[in-house]
Amino acid sequence: MRDAGLSDEALRAKARWVWRETLRLHRRAPETRVASSLSCVEILCALMYGGILRFDPRNPRWEGRDRLVISKAHGSISFYPILADLGFVAVEELERIARPGGVLKVIPDPLIAGYETLNGSVGLGLGVGVGLALGLRRRGARARVMVLCGDGELFAGASWEAIMLAPRHGLGNLCIIVDRNGLCMLERCSKVADLAPLEEKLAAFGWRTASVNGHDVCAVRDTLRALLDEREPRPKALLADTVKGHGVPQLEGDELCHIRSLAPEVIDALLREGE
């Protein structure tokens, strides 16, 4: 169930803890996409600890829950510690990531409690979110749909079909959060297909938009609350400016950080520095 959320100090402490746990998971499973996962730590913490979403860890498929569609599933390993902390999965599963018999995989799937969908290729999650939002509204449900996507996947034509469709149906129960880290798999987004000015483009299609520092967890929470409190029946979009590989000097600014793995000794040094 949704509650008031953590205090500012506690929320920041959770974000620091999730950042550290994400590195530990990458140490156990170096094939995970750590750079993409580190860019959305504060976004996920704001959603799950900030009193934004309605959910029940004891009943993950509770009908009254808000739906969180993580379109950038490969880059959401930072969601695992949150799910374990809240009771969606056993804490012991963090030690068993990517091992035979373990629940937590290198690429997440809906068999993990807390994940809603398997979206296939990146760029399809927004369309799934539009369908969920439309279905919930037609059933008279109060639940909202949040979609977390990366800016690189907005190159996909399917994303823009969804962006055009959502305002057409007045989906005020839909909100997308763009993890705008400026990097896709092998290049800077601006060198592939420049999306700027993204705010203006979304607004032109009928979206209510806002931007925020995606690594200020309290600002993400507060901006989301303000967006979601708007009663006008139009979809919302939060553009969260982030850094891929946030907090790891070896990854920040590296155009190939998406496919990089960190050596165990590098991770150990980073964890010692944060003690």
Foldseek 3Di string as FASTA:
>chain_A
DFDQFDDLVVLLVQLVVLLLLLLVLCQLPVQQQSLLQNFQSLVLSLCLRRRNWDADLVCLVPVQTAAEAELVQSRNSSVVVVSCVRNNDPPCLSNQECHPPGQHYNRDAPSRRPHDHDQPHRLRRLVVQLVVLVVCVVVVHPHAYEYEHEPLSCVDPSNVVSLLVQQVVLSLRYEYEYSYQQADQQAGSCVVPNCPPVVVVSVVSPEAEDEDASSSSVRSNVVSVVSSPDPGSGYYYYYHHTFRNPPQVVQGPDNNSSRDGDHPVSSVVSVVVVD
